[in-house]
Amino acid sequence: MENIIVRYLENAPAGFHGMVTHNSDDSYTILLDPNDSAERIMEAYFHELKHIKGNDLEKPDDVQAIEADAHK
């Protein structure tokens, strides 16, 4: 699997659980909310991994469609 960095986003906004970014060195950074339960953190982590495996970050910027597809 690609190089993946996992970080916690302190002071995450309400409703935030996780996100992933594709970095210029071809690695990925997954940001998670440290205030979520361990179960919710793992759920968010695997959700973001699914985006990486699905090459979702290479798709057009239609976040709604990408999320709908990821939740199938």
C-alpha atoms as a PDB file:
ATOM      1  CA  MET A   1       0.000   0.000   0.000  1.00  0.00           C
ATOM      2  CA  GLU A   2       1.029   3.582  -0.521  1.00  0.00           C
ATOM      3  CA  ASN A   3       2.836   5.563   2.138  1.00  0.00           C
ATOM      4  CA  ILE A   4       0.107   6.682   4.533  1.00  0.00           C
ATOM      5  CA  ILE A   5       0.552   9.150   7.382  1.00  0.00           C
ATOM      6  CA  VAL A   6      -2.117   9.243  10.086  1.00  0.00           C
ATOM      7  CA  ARG A   7      -2.592  12.325  12.234  1.00  0.00           C
ATOM      8  CA  TYR A   8      -5.188  13.584  14.680  1.00  0.00           C
ATOM      9  CA  LEU A   9      -6.790  16.942  13.976  1.00  0.00           C
ATOM     10  CA  GLU A  10      -6.961  18.754  17.289  1.00  0.00           C
ATOM     11  CA  ASN A  11      -9.958  21.074  17.617  1.00  0.00           C
ATOM     12  CA  ALA A  12     -11.750  19.359  14.734  1.00  0.00           C
ATOM     13  CA  PRO A  13     -14.977  21.091  13.710  1.00  0.00           C
ATOM     14  CA  ALA A  14     -18.325  19.625  14.711  1.00  0.00           C
ATOM     15  CA  GLY A  15     -19.324  16.753  12.479  1.00  0.00           C
ATOM     16  CA  PHE A  16     -15.750  16.033  11.367  1.00  0.00           C
ATOM     17  CA  HIS A  17     -14.634  12.414  11.651  1.00  0.00           C
ATOM     18  CA  GLY A  18     -11.914  12.094   9.044  1.00  0.00           C
ATOM     19  CA  MET A  19     -10.465  13.140   5.718  1.00  0.00           C
ATOM     20  CA  VAL A  20      -7.626  12.182   3.412  1.00  0.00           C
ATOM     21  CA  THR A  21      -5.275  14.269   1.280  1.00  0.00           C
ATOM     22  CA  HIS A  22      -2.881  13.213  -1.476  1.00  0.00           C
ATOM     23  CA  ASN A  23       0.505  14.811  -0.831  1.00  0.00           C
ATOM     24  CA  SER A  24       3.008  16.111  -3.380  1.00  0.00           C
ATOM     25  CA  ASP A  25       5.439  13.243  -2.553  1.00  0.00           C
ATOM     26  CA  ASP A  26       2.697  10.746  -3.577  1.00  0.00           C
ATOM     27  CA  SER A  27       1.975   9.810   0.048  1.00  0.00           C
ATOM     28  CA  TYR A  28      -1.408  10.251   1.723  1.00  0.00           C
ATOM     29  CA  THR A  29      -2.344  11.883   5.012  1.00  0.00           C
ATOM     30  CA  ILE A  30      -5.411  10.725   6.905  1.00  0.00           C
ATOM     31  CA  LEU A  31      -6.718  13.173   9.509  1.00  0.00           C
ATOM     32  CA  LEU A  32      -8.959  11.851  12.291  1.00  0.00           C
ATOM     33  CA  ASP A  33     -10.851  13.411  15.200  1.00  0.00           C
ATOM     34  CA  PRO A  34      -9.139  12.394  18.470  1.00  0.00           C
ATOM     35  CA  ASN A  35     -12.346  13.127  20.390  1.00  0.00           C
ATOM     36  CA  ASP A  36     -14.284  10.360  18.621  1.00  0.00           C
ATOM     37  CA  SER A  37     -14.631   6.935  20.221  1.00  0.00           C
ATOM     38  CA  ALA A  38     -12.059   4.298  19.279  1.00  0.00           C
ATOM     39  CA  GLU A  39     -14.738   2.537  17.239  1.00  0.00           C
ATOM     40  CA  ARG A  40     -15.636   5.719  15.337  1.00  0.00           C
ATOM     41  CA  ILE A  41     -11.961   6.504  14.703  1.00  0.00           C
ATOM     42  CA  MET A  42     -11.415   3.055  13.183  1.00  0.00           C
ATOM     43  CA  GLU A  43     -14.564   3.430  11.081  1.00  0.00           C
ATOM     44  CA  ALA A  44     -13.325   6.790   9.776  1.00  0.00           C
ATOM     45  CA  TYR A  45      -9.827   5.383   9.156  1.00  0.00           C
ATOM     46  CA  PHE A  46     -11.144   2.489   7.048  1.00  0.00           C
ATOM     47  CA  HIS A  47     -13.494   4.846   5.221  1.00  0.00           C
ATOM     48  CA  GLU A  48     -10.548   7.046   4.236  1.00  0.00           C
ATOM     49  CA  LEU A  49      -8.530   3.978   3.180  1.00  0.00           C
ATOM     50  CA  LYS A  50     -11.411   3.076   0.897  1.00  0.00           C
ATOM     51  CA  HIS A  51     -11.067   6.491  -0.761  1.00  0.00           C
ATOM     52  CA  ILE A  52      -7.351   5.827  -1.319  1.00  0.00           C
ATOM     53  CA  LYS A  53      -7.905   2.331  -2.729  1.00  0.00           C
ATOM     54  CA  GLY A  54     -10.724   3.610  -4.949  1.00  0.00           C
ATOM     55  CA  ASN A  55      -8.536   6.414  -6.346  1.00  0.00           C
ATOM     56  CA  ASP A  56     -11.272   8.818  -5.285  1.00  0.00           C
ATOM     57  CA  LEU A  57      -8.820  11.702  -4.990  1.00  0.00           C
ATOM     58  CA  GLU A  58      -8.173  11.449  -8.731  1.00  0.00           C
ATOM     59  CA  LYS A  59     -11.879  11.815  -9.576  1.00  0.00           C
ATOM     60  CA  PRO A  60     -13.607  15.114 -10.432  1.00  0.00           C
ATOM     61  CA  ASP A  61     -14.341  17.351  -7.469  1.00  0.00           C
ATOM     62  CA  ASP A  62     -17.880  16.078  -6.919  1.00  0.00           C
ATOM     63  CA  VAL A  63     -17.570  15.253  -3.224  1.00  0.00           C
ATOM     64  CA  GLN A  64     -21.255  14.344  -2.932  1.00  0.00           C
ATOM     65  CA  ALA A  65     -20.971  11.680  -5.656  1.00  0.00           C
ATOM     66  CA  ILE A  66     -17.705  10.319  -4.256  1.00  0.00           C
ATOM     67  CA  GLU A  67     -19.194  10.003  -0.748  1.00  0.00           C
ATOM     68  CA  ALA A  68     -22.399   8.427  -2.054  1.00  0.00           C
ATOM     69  CA  ASP A  69     -20.315   5.851  -3.940  1.00  0.00           C
ATOM     70  CA  ALA A  70     -18.104   5.194  -0.905  1.00  0.00           C
ATOM     71  CA  HIS A  71     -21.119   4.466   1.298  1.00  0.00           C
ATOM     72  CA  LYS A  72     -22.565   1.815  -1.050  1.00  0.00           C
END
